[in-house]
């Protein structure tokens, strides 16, 4: 069983890093370095996966015996994760446009 506070902070940190790398990838694409942009997106994917794994563990715990309280920090963590996932998808699309 993972501790809620640790899990929430890990989601926030990993999702935030993923989002930052997505925007760095966009800057690279804008400067014409598409290989670097794609590399940064792959790196962002690793952080996103880690955040999602932690979220999944919390969901599994919540579905079982260890019900999780809904806190403002948990909502904040979910918000970070969803924003990072959206940033990733949009970054991919924009980089494809730069590639044209």
Protein backbone atom coordinates (compact mmCIF):
# COMPACT_ATOMS: atom_id res chain seq x y z
CA UNK A 1 0.00 0.00 0.00
CA UNK A 2 1.37 3.39 -0.94
CA UNK A 3 0.95 6.45 1.24
CA UNK A 4 -1.43 9.03 -0.18
CA UNK A 5 0.82 12.06 0.35
CA UNK A 6 3.81 10.34 -1.26
CA UNK A 7 1.71 9.19 -4.18
CA UNK A 8 0.19 12.60 -4.74
CA UNK A 9 3.58 14.31 -4.73
CA UNK A 10 4.97 11.71 -7.14
CA UNK A 11 2.07 12.31 -9.53
CA UNK A 12 2.59 16.08 -9.37
CA UNK A 13 6.37 15.90 -9.89
CA UNK A 14 6.26 13.38 -12.74
CA UNK A 15 3.32 15.00 -14.52
CA UNK A 16 4.96 18.40 -14.18
CA UNK A 17 8.22 17.12 -15.65
CA UNK A 18 6.35 15.51 -18.53
CA UNK A 19 4.52 18.76 -19.27
CA UNK A 20 7.76 20.76 -19.15
CA UNK A 21 9.44 18.38 -21.58
CA UNK A 22 6.49 18.68 -23.97
CA UNK A 23 6.88 22.44 -24.09
CA UNK A 24 10.63 22.07 -24.52
CA UNK A 25 9.88 19.73 -27.45
CA UNK A 26 7.66 22.39 -28.99
CA UNK A 27 10.46 24.96 -28.71
CA UNK A 28 12.87 22.55 -30.40
CA UNK A 29 10.40 21.91 -33.21
CA UNK A 30 9.85 25.63 -33.69
CA UNK A 31 13.63 26.02 -34.07
CA UNK A 32 13.65 23.25 -36.68
CA UNK A 33 15.21 20.51 -34.55
CA UNK A 34 12.57 17.83 -35.06
CA UNK A 35 14.79 14.96 -33.93
CA UNK A 36 15.34 16.67 -30.58
CA UNK A 37 11.62 17.42 -30.32
CA UNK A 38 10.75 13.75 -30.81
CA UNK A 39 13.41 12.70 -28.32
CA UNK A 40 11.98 15.09 -25.73
CA UNK A 41 8.49 13.69 -26.29
CA UNK A 42 9.80 10.16 -25.69
CA UNK A 43 11.41 11.37 -22.47
CA UNK A 44 8.14 13.03 -21.46
CA UNK A 45 6.37 9.73 -22.03
CA UNK A 46 8.48 8.07 -19.33
CA UNK A 47 7.49 10.65 -16.73
CA UNK A 48 3.87 10.46 -17.80
CA UNK A 49 3.89 6.68 -17.49
CA UNK A 50 5.26 6.90 -13.96
CA UNK A 51 2.58 9.40 -12.92
CA UNK A 52 -0.09 7.21 -14.47
CA UNK A 53 1.24 4.10 -12.70
CA UNK A 54 0.94 5.84 -9.35
CA UNK A 55 -2.56 7.01 -10.20
CA UNK A 56 -3.50 3.44 -11.11
CA UNK A 57 -2.18 2.14 -7.78
CA UNK A 58 -4.30 4.71 -5.94
CA UNK A 59 -7.37 3.70 -7.95
CA UNK A 60 -6.73 0.05 -7.18
CA UNK A 61 -6.39 0.80 -3.47
CA UNK A 62 -9.53 2.90 -3.54
CA UNK A 63 -11.48 0.09 -5.21
CA UNK A 64 -10.35 -2.33 -2.51
CA UNK A 65 -10.22 -2.02 1.24
CA UNK A 66 -8.12 1.14 1.45
CA UNK A 67 -10.58 3.87 0.49
CA UNK A 68 -8.81 7.11 -0.36
CA UNK A 69 -10.02 10.43 0.99
CA UNK A 70 -10.69 13.10 -1.61
CA UNK A 71 -8.43 16.02 -0.76
CA UNK A 72 -7.63 19.27 -2.50
CA UNK A 73 -4.06 18.09 -3.10
CA UNK A 74 -5.37 14.91 -4.74
CA UNK A 75 -7.53 17.00 -7.07
CA UNK A 76 -4.48 19.15 -7.77
CA UNK A 77 -2.43 16.07 -8.65
CA UNK A 78 -5.13 14.79 -10.99
CA UNK A 79 -5.27 18.21 -12.62
CA UNK A 80 -1.50 18.11 -13.21
CA UNK A 81 -1.72 14.66 -14.73
CA UNK A 82 -4.58 15.52 -17.06
CA UNK A 83 -2.85 18.74 -18.17
CA UNK A 84 0.35 16.86 -18.90
CA UNK A 85 -1.52 14.27 -20.97
CA UNK A 86 -3.24 17.01 -22.94
CA UNK A 87 0.06 18.85 -23.44
CA UNK A 88 1.59 15.62 -24.77
CA UNK A 89 -1.17 15.02 -27.31
CA UNK A 90 -1.21 18.62 -28.52
CA UNK A 91 2.58 18.74 -28.72
CA UNK A 92 2.60 15.69 -30.97
CA UNK A 93 0.07 17.30 -33.31
CA UNK A 94 1.89 20.63 -33.43
CA UNK A 95 5.24 18.96 -34.06
CA UNK A 96 3.65 17.06 -36.96
CA UNK A 97 2.60 20.44 -38.40
CA UNK A 98 6.14 21.78 -38.05
CA UNK A 99 7.38 18.66 -39.83
CA UNK A 100 5.30 19.50 -42.90
